[in-house]
Every structure is written in C-alpha cells, then in structure tokens.
C-alpha cells in the first residue's frame, strides 16, 4: 500500500490510489510558505480499520518535518490524533 503525494503552490494531498480510484486521501491547503492546513481525510470502507488515516497523517508529519514547516489540523480526524499524540506536536501550528 503506497502513499502518493501531490503538491501544488496552493493545495496538495497524500493518497492511496488503486484500481483507478482513490481509496484514501488527506487533503491540505497551503497557508503561506511555512504551514499547511489539513482540511479533509477520507478512507474508503474497504480500508477502514487498518490504520490508513494514521499512515496518511504520519506521511504529512514527515513532509512537514522535512520541509521545516507546521501543520494546522482543521480536519476532525487529524486534530484528534494531534490531541492524543504528543510525539507529533513539534509540527503542530
């Protein structure tokens, strides 16, 4: 299960694409040069219960750490994980 990443100057997404469809995605919008806002997370029924949402968030966190930027988690799922896991607080805006 590979997580792909698309990024543009205004928006981006981490996603799993199989059989010509996105089975999971975490979409974000850039908010300046130093942070992005996670707006939406979706996991298909066939992938639910496999920790896919967390894997997408972990990829976003790794991206933020690599770029030395912050994340604003407006998505309820992402916010709940940030609230529960202090190990990723270093990228929280």
Protein backbone atom coordinates (compact mmCIF):
# COMPACT_ATOMS: atom_id res chain seq x y z
CA UNK A 1 0.00 0.00 0.00
CA UNK A 2 1.90 3.04 -1.30
CA UNK A 3 1.05 6.55 -0.20
CA UNK A 4 1.44 9.02 -3.02
CA UNK A 5 1.82 12.77 -2.69
CA UNK A 6 0.70 15.58 -4.97
CA UNK A 7 1.67 19.15 -4.15
CA UNK A 8 0.95 22.43 -5.91
CA UNK A 9 1.51 26.05 -4.89
CA UNK A 10 -1.97 26.18 -3.28
CA UNK A 11 -3.12 22.64 -2.44
CA UNK A 12 -1.93 19.10 -2.02
CA UNK A 13 -2.87 15.60 -0.96
CA UNK A 14 -1.45 12.38 0.41
CA UNK A 15 -3.41 9.48 -1.03
CA UNK A 16 -3.66 5.78 -1.85
CA UNK A 17 -4.64 5.12 -5.44
CA UNK A 18 -5.51 1.57 -6.53
CA UNK A 19 -7.70 0.15 -9.28
CA UNK A 20 -8.09 3.59 -10.85
CA UNK A 21 -9.60 5.17 -7.73
CA UNK A 22 -8.51 6.97 -4.60
CA UNK A 23 -9.14 4.64 -1.70
CA UNK A 24 -7.88 7.09 0.91
CA UNK A 25 -6.78 10.71 0.95
CA UNK A 26 -5.72 13.53 3.20
CA UNK A 27 -6.11 16.91 1.51
CA UNK A 28 -4.40 20.12 2.55
CA UNK A 29 -4.18 23.78 1.56
CA UNK A 30 -1.07 25.90 1.87
CA UNK A 31 -1.36 28.83 4.29
CA UNK A 32 1.75 30.80 3.40
CA UNK A 33 5.22 29.32 2.98
CA UNK A 34 5.58 27.96 6.49
CA UNK A 35 2.42 25.92 7.12
CA UNK A 36 -0.41 23.95 5.58
CA UNK A 37 -3.93 23.19 6.73
CA UNK A 38 -5.18 19.61 6.74
CA UNK A 39 -8.78 20.06 5.67
CA UNK A 40 -10.13 16.61 4.94
CA UNK A 41 -9.34 12.94 5.47
CA UNK A 42 -11.23 10.12 3.73
CA UNK A 43 -10.68 6.37 3.96
CA UNK A 44 -12.79 4.00 1.87
CA UNK A 45 -14.83 1.29 3.53
CA UNK A 46 -12.51 -1.41 2.23
CA UNK A 47 -9.53 0.15 4.04
CA UNK A 48 -11.28 1.16 7.27
CA UNK A 49 -9.86 -0.34 10.45
CA UNK A 50 -6.35 -0.75 9.00
CA UNK A 51 -4.83 2.45 10.40
CA UNK A 52 -4.73 4.08 6.98
CA UNK A 53 -5.78 7.51 8.27
CA UNK A 54 -2.87 7.48 10.72
CA UNK A 55 -0.48 6.39 7.96
CA UNK A 56 -1.59 9.34 5.85
CA UNK A 57 -1.08 11.68 8.81
CA UNK A 58 2.35 10.20 9.52
CA UNK A 59 3.31 10.95 5.91
CA UNK A 60 2.08 14.54 6.31
CA UNK A 61 4.09 14.89 9.54
CA UNK A 62 7.22 13.53 7.84
CA UNK A 63 6.72 16.00 4.99
CA UNK A 64 6.33 18.89 7.45
CA UNK A 65 9.45 17.87 9.37
CA UNK A 66 11.46 17.53 6.16
CA UNK A 67 10.37 20.99 4.96
CA UNK A 68 10.61 22.51 8.48
CA UNK A 69 7.02 23.73 8.33
CA UNK A 70 3.93 23.45 10.54
CA UNK A 71 0.51 21.79 10.22
CA UNK A 72 -2.86 23.26 11.17
CA UNK A 73 -5.21 20.28 11.60
CA UNK A 74 -8.72 21.56 10.86
CA UNK A 75 -9.88 18.09 9.81
CA UNK A 76 -11.55 16.45 12.85
CA UNK A 77 -9.60 13.20 12.37
CA UNK A 78 -6.20 14.90 12.12
CA UNK A 79 -6.99 17.18 15.06
CA UNK A 80 -7.98 14.21 17.23
CA UNK A 81 -4.69 12.45 16.51
CA UNK A 82 -2.68 15.60 17.28
CA UNK A 83 -4.63 15.97 20.54
CA UNK A 84 -3.78 12.39 21.59
CA UNK A 85 -0.16 12.04 20.39
CA UNK A 86 2.44 14.42 21.83
CA UNK A 87 5.18 12.84 19.69
CA UNK A 88 3.96 14.81 16.66
CA UNK A 89 3.41 18.13 18.47
CA UNK A 90 6.63 19.56 17.03
CA UNK A 91 4.89 20.23 13.70
CA UNK A 92 1.62 21.50 15.20
CA UNK A 93 0.80 25.14 14.45
